[in-house]
Amino acid sequence: MGIPTHSHLELADDVHLKLGTSADAYFYHNGSNTYLGENGVGALYIQGQYMYLQAAGGDTYIDMSDGDNGRVRLFYDNSVKLSTASAGISVTGDIDATGSIKVTQNIRRTVTTASESSNTHTMDLTLNDNFNVTATNATNTLALTVAS
């Protein structure tokens, strides 16, 4: 059954638009907030090729892209802070943790100076039977090894 409209469907506050045989899905506005929900036996799926969660002013908080192999990005002040990729995640900025951060592989930080693109400084923290810290660049090496 269809409802013919010429421009839009207008409902008063607190009037629920219910969908499904048992009215499992709903959409409504209570005068202050807007709700989209599902209260049946299934789940609520929101699908799209490209999806954005934005504030009313247009600032993006989350974007998801099926076109980029399922990439998800989290934003703060319109800057990407966390992005997923096939190899894991990329974080821009500091990570403050109140608990442990567990790493099962090596930690690597590589910085290339802007003045000399060939002057790369690398620091490796190797987690294995020994604790190793190795920093290398073109002129020197620093290593600390603690036997287990």
Protein backbone atom coordinates (compact mmCIF):
# COMPACT_ATOMS: atom_id res chain seq x y z
CA MET A 1 0.00 0.00 0.00
CA GLY A 2 1.39 3.37 -0.93
CA ILE A 3 0.60 6.84 0.38
CA PRO A 4 0.64 9.40 -2.41
CA THR A 5 2.41 12.65 -1.49
CA HIS A 6 3.20 15.69 -3.58
CA SER A 7 6.24 16.91 -1.66
CA HIS A 8 6.74 15.34 1.77
CA LEU A 9 5.09 13.53 4.66
CA GLU A 10 4.72 15.70 7.75
CA LEU A 11 4.08 14.19 11.19
CA ALA A 12 3.65 15.98 14.51
CA ASP A 13 6.11 15.53 17.40
CA ASP A 14 5.89 12.17 19.20
CA VAL A 15 4.09 10.54 16.25
CA HIS A 16 5.98 7.35 15.42
CA LEU A 17 6.46 6.18 11.86
CA LYS A 18 6.34 2.41 12.35
CA LEU A 19 7.45 -0.14 9.76
CA GLY A 20 7.06 -3.90 9.52
CA THR A 21 4.20 -6.30 10.19
CA SER A 22 4.74 -6.04 13.94
CA ALA A 23 5.88 -2.37 13.81
CA ASP A 24 9.41 -3.54 14.66
CA ALA A 25 11.16 -0.53 13.11
CA TYR A 26 10.36 3.04 14.04
CA PHE A 27 11.35 6.62 13.39
CA TYR A 28 10.13 9.63 15.33
CA HIS A 29 10.93 13.06 16.74
CA ASN A 30 9.87 13.98 20.28
CA GLY A 31 10.21 17.75 19.90
CA SER A 32 13.85 17.72 21.04
CA ASN A 33 15.51 14.55 19.73
CA THR A 34 15.11 12.24 16.75
CA TYR A 35 15.09 8.46 17.10
CA LEU A 36 15.60 5.61 14.64
CA GLY A 37 15.24 2.19 16.13
CA GLU A 38 14.42 -1.49 15.90
CA ASN A 39 12.73 -3.41 18.70
CA GLY A 40 11.97 -6.77 17.13
CA VAL A 41 13.91 -10.00 17.00
CA GLY A 42 16.38 -8.76 14.38
CA ALA A 43 19.04 -6.10 14.12
CA LEU A 44 19.08 -2.56 12.76
CA TYR A 45 21.18 -2.27 9.59
CA ILE A 46 22.14 1.06 8.07
CA GLN A 47 23.68 0.54 4.65
CA GLY A 48 25.31 2.69 2.03
CA GLN A 49 28.27 2.78 -0.34
CA TYR A 50 29.63 5.81 1.55
CA MET A 51 28.27 6.69 4.98
CA TYR A 52 28.93 9.72 7.16
CA LEU A 53 27.95 10.58 10.71
CA GLN A 54 27.97 14.37 10.85
CA ALA A 55 26.98 17.18 13.18
CA ALA A 56 24.32 19.65 12.04
CA GLY A 57 27.07 22.10 11.08
CA GLY A 58 28.58 19.55 8.70
CA ASP A 59 31.58 18.41 10.77
CA THR A 60 32.22 14.71 10.14
CA TYR A 61 32.68 12.40 13.14
CA ILE A 62 32.74 9.01 11.41
CA ASP A 63 32.92 8.04 7.75
CA MET A 64 32.75 4.56 6.31
CA SER A 65 33.53 3.63 2.75
CA ASP A 66 32.74 0.37 1.02
CA GLY A 67 34.66 1.75 -1.97
CA ASP A 68 37.91 1.81 0.05
CA ASN A 69 37.79 -1.86 1.14
CA GLY A 70 35.63 -1.11 4.17
CA ARG A 71 37.74 1.73 5.57
CA VAL A 72 36.40 3.47 8.70
CA ARG A 73 37.74 6.82 9.88
CA LEU A 74 37.12 8.66 13.15
CA PHE A 75 37.47 12.44 13.20
CA TYR A 76 38.07 15.12 15.82
CA ASP A 77 37.64 18.75 14.75
CA ASN A 78 37.44 17.62 11.09
CA SER A 79 40.86 15.89 11.29
CA VAL A 80 41.26 12.12 10.90
CA LYS A 81 42.47 10.66 14.21
CA LEU A 82 41.97 6.93 13.60
CA SER A 83 41.72 5.09 10.30
CA THR A 84 41.38 1.37 9.58
CA ALA A 85 43.25 -0.41 6.80
CA SER A 86 43.91 -4.01 5.78
CA ALA A 87 47.15 -4.02 7.81
CA GLY A 88 45.52 -2.61 10.98
CA ILE A 89 44.90 0.95 12.13
CA SER A 90 46.62 4.30 11.82
CA VAL A 91 46.42 6.79 14.67
CA THR A 92 47.20 10.50 14.34
CA GLY A 93 48.05 12.17 17.63
CA ASP A 94 48.70 10.84 21.12
CA ILE A 95 47.28 7.68 22.63
CA ASP A 96 46.38 7.99 26.32
CA ALA A 97 45.77 4.61 27.92
CA THR A 98 44.68 3.94 31.49
CA GLY A 99 45.47 0.24 31.19
CA SER A 100 48.07 -1.92 29.50
CA ILE A 101 48.90 -1.77 25.82
CA LYS A 102 49.85 -5.25 24.67
CA VAL A 103 52.05 -5.68 21.61
CA THR A 104 52.81 -9.09 20.12
CA GLN A 105 55.13 -7.86 17.37
CA ASN A 106 57.78 -5.13 17.06
CA ILE A 107 57.09 -1.45 17.63
CA ARG A 108 58.65 0.75 14.96
CA ARG A 109 58.85 4.51 14.64
CA THR A 110 60.44 5.94 11.52
CA VAL A 111 60.97 9.66 10.96
CA THR A 112 62.40 11.23 7.83
CA THR A 113 63.63 14.79 8.37
CA ALA A 114 62.21 17.40 6.04
CA SER A 115 65.63 18.95 5.31
CA GLU A 116 67.19 15.68 4.14
CA SER A 117 64.81 13.15 2.65
CA SER A 118 67.56 10.52 2.79
CA ASN A 119 68.25 11.09 6.53
CA THR A 120 65.89 8.57 8.13
CA HIS A 121 65.95 7.84 11.87
CA THR A 122 64.47 4.54 13.01
CA MET A 123 63.88 3.22 16.52
CA ASP A 124 62.91 -0.42 17.00
CA LEU A 125 61.61 -1.93 20.22
CA THR A 126 61.86 -5.69 19.83
CA LEU A 127 59.69 -7.80 22.10
CA ASN A 128 61.00 -11.33 22.43
CA ASP A 129 62.98 -13.30 25.00
CA ASN A 130 65.14 -10.19 25.53
CA PHE A 131 64.13 -6.55 25.71
CA ASN A 132 66.02 -4.71 22.97
CA VAL A 133 66.02 -1.02 22.15
CA THR A 134 67.88 -0.07 18.99
CA ALA A 135 68.05 3.41 17.48
CA THR A 136 69.92 3.90 14.21
CA ASN A 137 70.63 6.69 11.78
CA ALA A 138 73.36 7.49 9.30
CA THR A 139 75.99 8.27 11.94
CA ASN A 140 75.45 6.22 15.12
CA THR A 141 73.68 3.31 16.80
CA LEU A 142 72.29 3.00 20.33
CA ALA A 143 71.40 -0.46 21.64
CA LEU A 144 70.16 -1.66 25.03
CA THR A 145 69.60 -5.37 25.63
CA VAL A 146 68.32 -6.87 28.87
CA ALA A 147 68.57 -10.65 29.15
CA SER A 148 65.52 -12.48 30.41
